[in-house]
Amino acid sequence: MSEKLQKTAITPAGHTTPPAKFSHGVKKGNILQVAGQVGFGPAVPGQAPAPVGPTLREQSLQTLRNVQAVLEEGGASWEDVMMIRIYLTDTAHFAEFNALYDEFFADLKEAPSARTTIYVGLPAGLLVEIDALAVLG
């Protein structure tokens, strides 16, 4: 009989508290699922979370850093990511997002992950959300 793998919540220091009962990331065995992250800066006690800025670039780069923080807290890196889902609020942002995405991942050594882009509604002021699935070595 095999031993049941434990599911572990992953929350990097400085991340804001989720608005409902979910984890920023969950690791089970060699799988790490990063929940949808947005462009919030580090948590400030007594203040509501807010986007780091109004532009797609500011929010996207912070969102990617937030995903990376969950990956690292879970023992993974971008090299371990198999799938990334991008949620944009405006179809007009697609080309700009692709340019900054390529810039962010310019130094990636292995094959890039698979990616899906979806257009959605997000809470006021948010332009992008990103989640990721990593498989650890």
N, C-alpha and C. Protein backbone atom coordinates (compact mmCIF):
# COMPACT_ATOMS: atom_id res chain seq x y z
N MET A 1 0.84 -1.18 0.00
CA MET A 1 0.00 0.00 0.00
C MET A 1 0.89 1.25 0.00
N SER A 2 0.64 2.16 -0.91
CA SER A 2 1.47 3.35 -0.98
C SER A 2 1.00 4.40 0.02
N GLU A 3 1.95 5.20 0.44
CA GLU A 3 1.68 6.27 1.39
C GLU A 3 1.01 7.44 0.68
N LYS A 4 0.00 8.02 1.31
CA LYS A 4 -0.71 9.16 0.71
C LYS A 4 0.18 10.40 0.74
N LEU A 5 0.27 11.09 -0.38
CA LEU A 5 1.07 12.31 -0.45
C LEU A 5 0.34 13.44 0.25
N GLN A 6 1.09 14.21 1.00
CA GLN A 6 0.52 15.34 1.73
C GLN A 6 0.41 16.56 0.83
N LYS A 7 -0.69 17.27 0.95
CA LYS A 7 -0.89 18.52 0.22
C LYS A 7 -0.48 19.66 1.15
N THR A 8 0.39 20.55 0.66
CA THR A 8 0.93 21.63 1.48
C THR A 8 0.62 22.98 0.85
N ALA A 9 0.09 23.89 1.65
CA ALA A 9 -0.17 25.26 1.19
C ALA A 9 1.15 26.02 1.12
N ILE A 10 1.29 26.82 0.09
CA ILE A 10 2.49 27.64 -0.12
C ILE A 10 2.08 29.10 -0.07
N THR A 11 2.67 29.85 0.87
CA THR A 11 2.40 31.29 0.98
C THR A 11 3.72 32.02 1.23
N PRO A 12 4.23 32.73 0.24
CA PRO A 12 5.47 33.49 0.45
C PRO A 12 5.27 34.63 1.45
N ALA A 13 6.30 34.93 2.19
CA ALA A 13 6.27 36.07 3.10
C ALA A 13 5.98 37.33 2.29
N GLY A 14 5.14 38.18 2.81
CA GLY A 14 4.84 39.44 2.13
C GLY A 14 3.65 39.38 1.20
N HIS A 15 3.15 38.18 0.90
CA HIS A 15 1.97 38.08 0.03
C HIS A 15 0.73 38.51 0.80
N THR A 16 -0.21 39.09 0.10
CA THR A 16 -1.47 39.50 0.71
C THR A 16 -2.31 38.26 1.04
N THR A 17 -3.24 38.40 1.95
CA THR A 17 -4.14 37.31 2.30
C THR A 17 -5.16 37.13 1.18
N PRO A 18 -5.37 35.89 0.72
CA PRO A 18 -6.38 35.69 -0.33
C PRO A 18 -7.76 36.15 0.14
N PRO A 19 -8.60 36.60 -0.80
CA PRO A 19 -9.92 37.12 -0.44
C PRO A 19 -10.94 36.04 -0.09
N ALA A 20 -10.58 34.78 -0.24
CA ALA A 20 -11.46 33.65 0.09
C ALA A 20 -10.57 32.51 0.57
N LYS A 21 -11.17 31.36 0.85
CA LYS A 21 -10.42 30.23 1.40
C LYS A 21 -9.68 29.47 0.29
N PHE A 22 -8.52 29.98 -0.10
CA PHE A 22 -7.64 29.28 -1.03
C PHE A 22 -6.20 29.65 -0.72
N SER A 23 -5.29 28.88 -1.26
CA SER A 23 -3.85 29.08 -1.03
C SER A 23 -3.23 29.76 -2.24
N HIS A 24 -2.15 30.50 -2.01
CA HIS A 24 -1.41 31.10 -3.12
C HIS A 24 -0.80 30.01 -4.00
N GLY A 25 -0.46 28.91 -3.38
CA GLY A 25 0.07 27.77 -4.11
C GLY A 25 -0.18 26.52 -3.30
N VAL A 26 -0.21 25.37 -3.97
CA VAL A 26 -0.39 24.09 -3.31
C VAL A 26 0.58 23.11 -3.94
N LYS A 27 1.30 22.40 -3.06
CA LYS A 27 2.26 21.41 -3.53
C LYS A 27 1.82 20.04 -3.03
N LYS A 28 1.86 19.06 -3.93
CA LYS A 28 1.56 17.68 -3.57
C LYS A 28 2.50 16.81 -4.40
N GLY A 29 3.36 16.07 -3.70
CA GLY A 29 4.38 15.31 -4.42
C GLY A 29 5.28 16.25 -5.18
N ASN A 30 5.45 16.00 -6.48
CA ASN A 30 6.31 16.87 -7.28
C ASN A 30 5.52 17.88 -8.13
N ILE A 31 4.25 18.08 -7.77
CA ILE A 31 3.40 19.03 -8.50
C ILE A 31 3.19 20.28 -7.65
N LEU A 32 3.37 21.43 -8.24
CA LEU A 32 3.11 22.71 -7.58
C LEU A 32 2.17 23.52 -8.47
N GLN A 33 0.99 23.81 -7.94
CA GLN A 33 0.03 24.66 -8.65
C GLN A 33 0.05 26.03 -8.00
N VAL A 34 0.35 27.04 -8.79
CA VAL A 34 0.32 28.43 -8.32
C VAL A 34 -1.05 29.00 -8.67
N ALA A 35 -1.76 29.49 -7.66
CA ALA A 35 -3.06 30.12 -7.88
C ALA A 35 -2.88 31.41 -8.67
N GLY A 36 -3.96 31.88 -9.24
CA GLY A 36 -3.92 33.14 -9.97
C GLY A 36 -3.36 34.26 -9.10
N GLN A 37 -2.31 34.89 -9.60
CA GLN A 37 -1.68 36.01 -8.92
C GLN A 37 -1.98 37.28 -9.71
N VAL A 38 -2.06 38.39 -9.00
CA VAL A 38 -2.28 39.69 -9.63
C VAL A 38 -1.15 40.63 -9.25
N GLY A 39 -1.22 41.85 -9.73
CA GLY A 39 -0.15 42.82 -9.56
C GLY A 39 -0.16 43.58 -8.25
N PHE A 40 -0.49 42.91 -7.15
CA PHE A 40 -0.41 43.55 -5.83
C PHE A 40 1.03 43.54 -5.36
N GLY A 41 1.43 44.65 -4.73
CA GLY A 41 2.74 44.70 -4.10
C GLY A 41 2.68 43.97 -2.77
N PRO A 42 3.79 44.01 -2.02
CA PRO A 42 3.81 43.34 -0.72
C PRO A 42 2.70 43.84 0.21
N ALA A 43 2.21 42.93 1.04
CA ALA A 43 1.15 43.25 2.00
C ALA A 43 1.63 44.31 2.99
N VAL A 44 0.76 45.25 3.30
CA VAL A 44 1.02 46.29 4.30
C VAL A 44 -0.08 46.15 5.36
N PRO A 45 0.30 45.82 6.60
CA PRO A 45 -0.71 45.65 7.65
C PRO A 45 -1.63 46.87 7.74
N GLY A 46 -2.93 46.60 7.80
CA GLY A 46 -3.92 47.66 7.93
C GLY A 46 -4.33 48.31 6.63
N GLN A 47 -3.71 47.92 5.52
CA GLN A 47 -4.07 48.50 4.22
C GLN A 47 -4.62 47.42 3.29
N ALA A 48 -5.62 47.77 2.53
CA ALA A 48 -6.17 46.84 1.54
C ALA A 48 -5.16 46.65 0.42
N PRO A 49 -5.08 45.45 -0.15
CA PRO A 49 -4.17 45.25 -1.28
C PRO A 49 -4.57 46.15 -2.45
N ALA A 50 -3.57 46.59 -3.19
CA ALA A 50 -3.81 47.46 -4.35
C ALA A 50 -2.79 47.15 -5.44
N PRO A 51 -3.16 47.35 -6.70
CA PRO A 51 -2.19 47.15 -7.79
C PRO A 51 -0.99 48.09 -7.63
N VAL A 52 0.17 47.64 -8.10
CA VAL A 52 1.40 48.43 -7.97
C VAL A 52 1.38 49.67 -8.85
N GLY A 53 0.53 49.70 -9.83
CA GLY A 53 0.44 50.84 -10.73
C GLY A 53 -0.69 50.63 -11.71
N PRO A 54 -0.99 51.65 -12.50
CA PRO A 54 -2.13 51.56 -13.41
C PRO A 54 -1.81 50.93 -14.77
N THR A 55 -0.52 50.74 -15.09
CA THR A 55 -0.18 50.28 -16.44
C THR A 55 -0.10 48.76 -16.52
N LEU A 56 -0.29 48.25 -17.73
CA LEU A 56 -0.16 46.82 -17.96
C LEU A 56 1.25 46.36 -17.62
N ARG A 57 2.26 47.12 -18.00
CA ARG A 57 3.65 46.74 -17.73
C ARG A 57 3.90 46.61 -16.23
N GLU A 58 3.52 47.62 -15.46
CA GLU A 58 3.75 47.57 -14.01
C GLU A 58 3.07 46.36 -13.39
N GLN A 59 1.80 46.18 -13.73
CA GLN A 59 1.04 45.08 -13.13
C GLN A 59 1.54 43.72 -13.61
N SER A 60 1.89 43.59 -14.88
CA SER A 60 2.33 42.31 -15.40
C SER A 60 3.66 41.88 -14.78
N LEU A 61 4.60 42.80 -14.69
CA LEU A 61 5.89 42.46 -14.10
C LEU A 61 5.75 42.09 -12.62
N GLN A 62 4.91 42.82 -11.89
CA GLN A 62 4.68 42.47 -10.48
C GLN A 62 3.97 41.12 -10.37
N THR A 63 3.02 40.88 -11.26
CA THR A 63 2.31 39.60 -11.25
C THR A 63 3.27 38.45 -11.50
N LEU A 64 4.16 38.59 -12.48
CA LEU A 64 5.16 37.56 -12.75
C LEU A 64 6.08 37.37 -11.54
N ARG A 65 6.46 38.46 -10.88
CA ARG A 65 7.29 38.34 -9.67
C ARG A 65 6.52 37.63 -8.56
N ASN A 66 5.21 37.88 -8.45
CA ASN A 66 4.40 37.21 -7.44
C ASN A 66 4.30 35.71 -7.72
N VAL A 67 4.12 35.34 -8.99
CA VAL A 67 4.11 33.92 -9.35
C VAL A 67 5.46 33.30 -9.01
N GLN A 68 6.54 34.00 -9.35
CA GLN A 68 7.89 33.51 -9.08
C GLN A 68 8.11 33.30 -7.59
N ALA A 69 7.60 34.19 -6.75
CA ALA A 69 7.76 34.05 -5.30
C ALA A 69 7.09 32.77 -4.80
N VAL A 70 5.91 32.44 -5.34
CA VAL A 70 5.23 31.20 -4.94
C VAL A 70 6.02 30.00 -5.44
N LEU A 71 6.50 30.06 -6.67
CA LEU A 71 7.31 28.97 -7.21
C LEU A 71 8.52 28.72 -6.31
N GLU A 72 9.25 29.78 -6.00
CA GLU A 72 10.46 29.65 -5.19
C GLU A 72 10.15 29.14 -3.78
N GLU A 73 9.07 29.63 -3.17
CA GLU A 73 8.67 29.17 -1.84
C GLU A 73 8.34 27.67 -1.87
N GLY A 74 7.85 27.19 -3.00
CA GLY A 74 7.52 25.78 -3.17
C GLY A 74 8.66 24.92 -3.68
N GLY A 75 9.85 25.52 -3.84
CA GLY A 75 11.02 24.77 -4.28
C GLY A 75 11.13 24.62 -5.79
N ALA A 76 10.48 25.49 -6.53
CA ALA A 76 10.49 25.41 -7.99
C ALA A 76 11.05 26.70 -8.59
N SER A 77 11.23 26.66 -9.90
CA SER A 77 11.66 27.84 -10.65
C SER A 77 10.86 27.88 -11.95
N TRP A 78 11.08 28.92 -12.73
CA TRP A 78 10.41 29.02 -14.03
C TRP A 78 10.78 27.83 -14.92
N GLU A 79 11.97 27.26 -14.73
CA GLU A 79 12.40 26.11 -15.53
C GLU A 79 11.50 24.89 -15.29
N ASP A 80 10.84 24.84 -14.13
CA ASP A 80 9.96 23.72 -13.77
C ASP A 80 8.52 23.91 -14.26
N VAL A 81 8.20 25.09 -14.74
CA VAL A 81 6.82 25.40 -15.13
C VAL A 81 6.48 24.74 -16.45
N MET A 82 5.37 24.00 -16.45
CA MET A 82 4.88 23.32 -17.63
C MET A 82 3.80 24.13 -18.35
N MET A 83 2.99 24.86 -17.56
CA MET A 83 1.84 25.58 -18.12
C MET A 83 1.65 26.90 -17.40
N ILE A 84 1.43 27.93 -18.18
CA ILE A 84 1.09 29.26 -17.65
C ILE A 84 -0.21 29.69 -18.30
N ARG A 85 -1.12 30.20 -17.49
CA ARG A 85 -2.35 30.79 -18.03
C ARG A 85 -2.33 32.28 -17.71
N ILE A 86 -2.59 33.06 -18.74
CA ILE A 86 -2.61 34.51 -18.64
C ILE A 86 -4.06 34.95 -18.79
N TYR A 87 -4.51 35.80 -17.89
CA TYR A 87 -5.87 36.34 -17.94
C TYR A 87 -5.75 37.85 -18.13
N LEU A 88 -6.14 38.34 -19.29
CA LEU A 88 -6.09 39.77 -19.60
C LEU A 88 -7.51 40.33 -19.65
N THR A 89 -7.64 41.60 -19.28
CA THR A 89 -8.97 42.23 -19.30
C THR A 89 -9.28 42.92 -20.62
N ASP A 90 -8.27 43.06 -21.49
CA ASP A 90 -8.46 43.83 -22.72
C ASP A 90 -7.71 43.17 -23.86
N THR A 91 -8.39 42.82 -24.94
CA THR A 91 -7.73 42.19 -26.09
C THR A 91 -6.66 43.10 -26.70
N ALA A 92 -6.80 44.40 -26.52
CA ALA A 92 -5.81 45.35 -27.05
C ALA A 92 -4.46 45.23 -26.34
N HIS A 93 -4.41 44.55 -25.20
CA HIS A 93 -3.16 44.41 -24.43
C HIS A 93 -2.32 43.21 -24.88
N PHE A 94 -2.83 42.40 -25.79
CA PHE A 94 -2.16 41.15 -26.16
C PHE A 94 -0.73 41.38 -26.67
N ALA A 95 -0.54 42.23 -27.63
CA ALA A 95 0.79 42.46 -28.21
C ALA A 95 1.75 43.05 -27.18
N GLU A 96 1.30 44.02 -26.41
CA GLU A 96 2.15 44.61 -25.37
C GLU A 96 2.54 43.57 -24.34
N PHE A 97 1.58 42.74 -23.94
CA PHE A 97 1.88 41.71 -22.95
C PHE A 97 2.90 40.72 -23.52
N ASN A 98 2.72 40.29 -24.76
CA ASN A 98 3.67 39.34 -25.37
C ASN A 98 5.08 39.91 -25.39
N ALA A 99 5.24 41.19 -25.67
CA ALA A 99 6.56 41.81 -25.71
C ALA A 99 7.22 41.79 -24.33
N LEU A 100 6.48 42.14 -23.29
CA LEU A 100 7.09 42.15 -21.97
C LEU A 100 7.28 40.74 -21.43
N TYR A 101 6.42 39.81 -21.83
CA TYR A 101 6.56 38.39 -21.47
C TYR A 101 7.87 37.84 -22.07
N ASP A 102 8.10 38.11 -23.36
CA ASP A 102 9.33 37.66 -24.00
C ASP A 102 10.55 38.28 -23.32
N GLU A 103 10.46 39.53 -22.95
CA GLU A 103 11.55 40.21 -22.24
C GLU A 103 11.80 39.55 -20.89
N PHE A 104 10.74 39.27 -20.14
CA PHE A 104 10.87 38.67 -18.80
C PHE A 104 11.53 37.30 -18.89
N PHE A 105 11.21 36.52 -19.92
CA PHE A 105 11.72 35.16 -20.04
C PHE A 105 12.90 35.04 -21.00
N ALA A 106 13.55 36.13 -21.32
CA ALA A 106 14.66 36.14 -22.29
C ALA A 106 15.79 35.19 -21.90
N ASP A 107 16.04 35.00 -20.61
CA ASP A 107 17.16 34.17 -20.15
C ASP A 107 16.76 32.73 -19.82
N LEU A 108 15.54 32.33 -20.12
CA LEU A 108 15.09 30.98 -19.85
C LEU A 108 15.98 30.00 -20.61
N LYS A 109 16.51 29.00 -19.90
CA LYS A 109 17.45 28.06 -20.51
C LYS A 109 16.76 26.90 -21.22
N GLU A 110 15.65 26.41 -20.66
CA GLU A 110 14.96 25.26 -21.24
C GLU A 110 13.84 25.71 -22.15
N ALA A 111 13.15 24.74 -22.71
CA ALA A 111 12.00 25.05 -23.57
C ALA A 111 10.99 25.87 -22.79
N PRO A 112 10.39 26.87 -23.39
CA PRO A 112 9.38 27.65 -22.68
C PRO A 112 8.15 26.79 -22.37
N SER A 113 7.44 27.18 -21.32
CA SER A 113 6.24 26.44 -20.94
C SER A 113 5.14 26.63 -21.99
N ALA A 114 4.15 25.77 -21.91
CA ALA A 114 2.94 25.98 -22.70
C ALA A 114 2.22 27.19 -22.11
N ARG A 115 1.39 27.86 -22.90
CA ARG A 115 0.70 29.06 -22.41
C ARG A 115 -0.66 29.20 -23.07
N THR A 116 -1.60 29.65 -22.28
CA THR A 116 -2.93 29.99 -22.77
C THR A 116 -3.24 31.41 -22.33
N THR A 117 -3.84 32.21 -23.20
CA THR A 117 -4.27 33.55 -22.83
C THR A 117 -5.79 33.61 -22.94
N ILE A 118 -6.40 34.12 -21.89
CA ILE A 118 -7.85 34.18 -21.78
C ILE A 118 -8.23 35.63 -21.47
N TYR A 119 -9.35 36.09 -22.02
CA TYR A 119 -9.82 37.44 -21.73
C TYR A 119 -10.96 37.35 -20.73
N VAL A 120 -10.84 38.13 -19.65
CA VAL A 120 -11.76 38.01 -18.51
C VAL A 120 -12.10 39.39 -17.94
N GLY A 121 -13.03 39.39 -17.01
CA GLY A 121 -13.27 40.55 -16.17
C GLY A 121 -12.55 40.32 -14.84
N LEU A 122 -11.86 41.31 -14.35
CA LEU A 122 -11.18 41.24 -13.06
C LEU A 122 -11.68 42.41 -12.21
N PRO A 123 -11.46 42.36 -10.89
CA PRO A 123 -11.88 43.48 -10.05
C PRO A 123 -11.30 44.81 -10.56
N ALA A 124 -11.99 45.88 -10.26
CA ALA A 124 -11.61 47.21 -10.73
C ALA A 124 -10.13 47.49 -10.50
N GLY A 125 -9.48 48.00 -11.54
CA GLY A 125 -8.08 48.39 -11.46
C GLY A 125 -7.09 47.31 -11.84
N LEU A 126 -7.52 46.06 -11.85
CA LEU A 126 -6.62 44.96 -12.20
C LEU A 126 -6.70 44.67 -13.70
N LEU A 127 -5.54 44.52 -14.34
CA LEU A 127 -5.47 44.30 -15.78
C LEU A 127 -5.04 42.90 -16.17
N VAL A 128 -4.39 42.17 -15.24
CA VAL A 128 -3.82 40.87 -15.58
C VAL A 128 -3.80 39.97 -14.35
N GLU A 129 -3.98 38.67 -14.60
CA GLU A 129 -3.83 37.64 -13.58
C GLU A 129 -3.11 36.49 -14.25
N ILE A 130 -2.24 35.80 -13.48
CA ILE A 130 -1.45 34.71 -14.04
C ILE A 130 -1.42 33.55 -13.05
N ASP A 131 -1.62 32.33 -13.56
CA ASP A 131 -1.40 31.14 -12.73
C ASP A 131 -0.39 30.24 -13.45
N ALA A 132 0.15 29.26 -12.72
CA ALA A 132 1.17 28.39 -13.31
C ALA A 132 1.13 27.00 -12.67
N LEU A 133 1.54 26.02 -13.43
CA LEU A 133 1.66 24.65 -12.97
C LEU A 133 3.10 24.21 -13.18
N ALA A 134 3.74 23.79 -12.08
CA ALA A 134 5.13 23.34 -12.15
C ALA A 134 5.23 21.88 -11.73
N VAL A 135 6.17 21.18 -12.36
CA VAL A 135 6.50 19.81 -12.00
C VAL A 135 7.96 19.82 -11.57
N LEU A 136 8.19 19.48 -10.30
CA LEU A 136 9.54 19.51 -9.75
C LEU A 136 10.29 18.24 -10.09
N GLY A 137 11.61 18.40 -10.33
CA GLY A 137 12.48 17.33 -10.78
C GLY A 137 12.43 16.07 -10.00
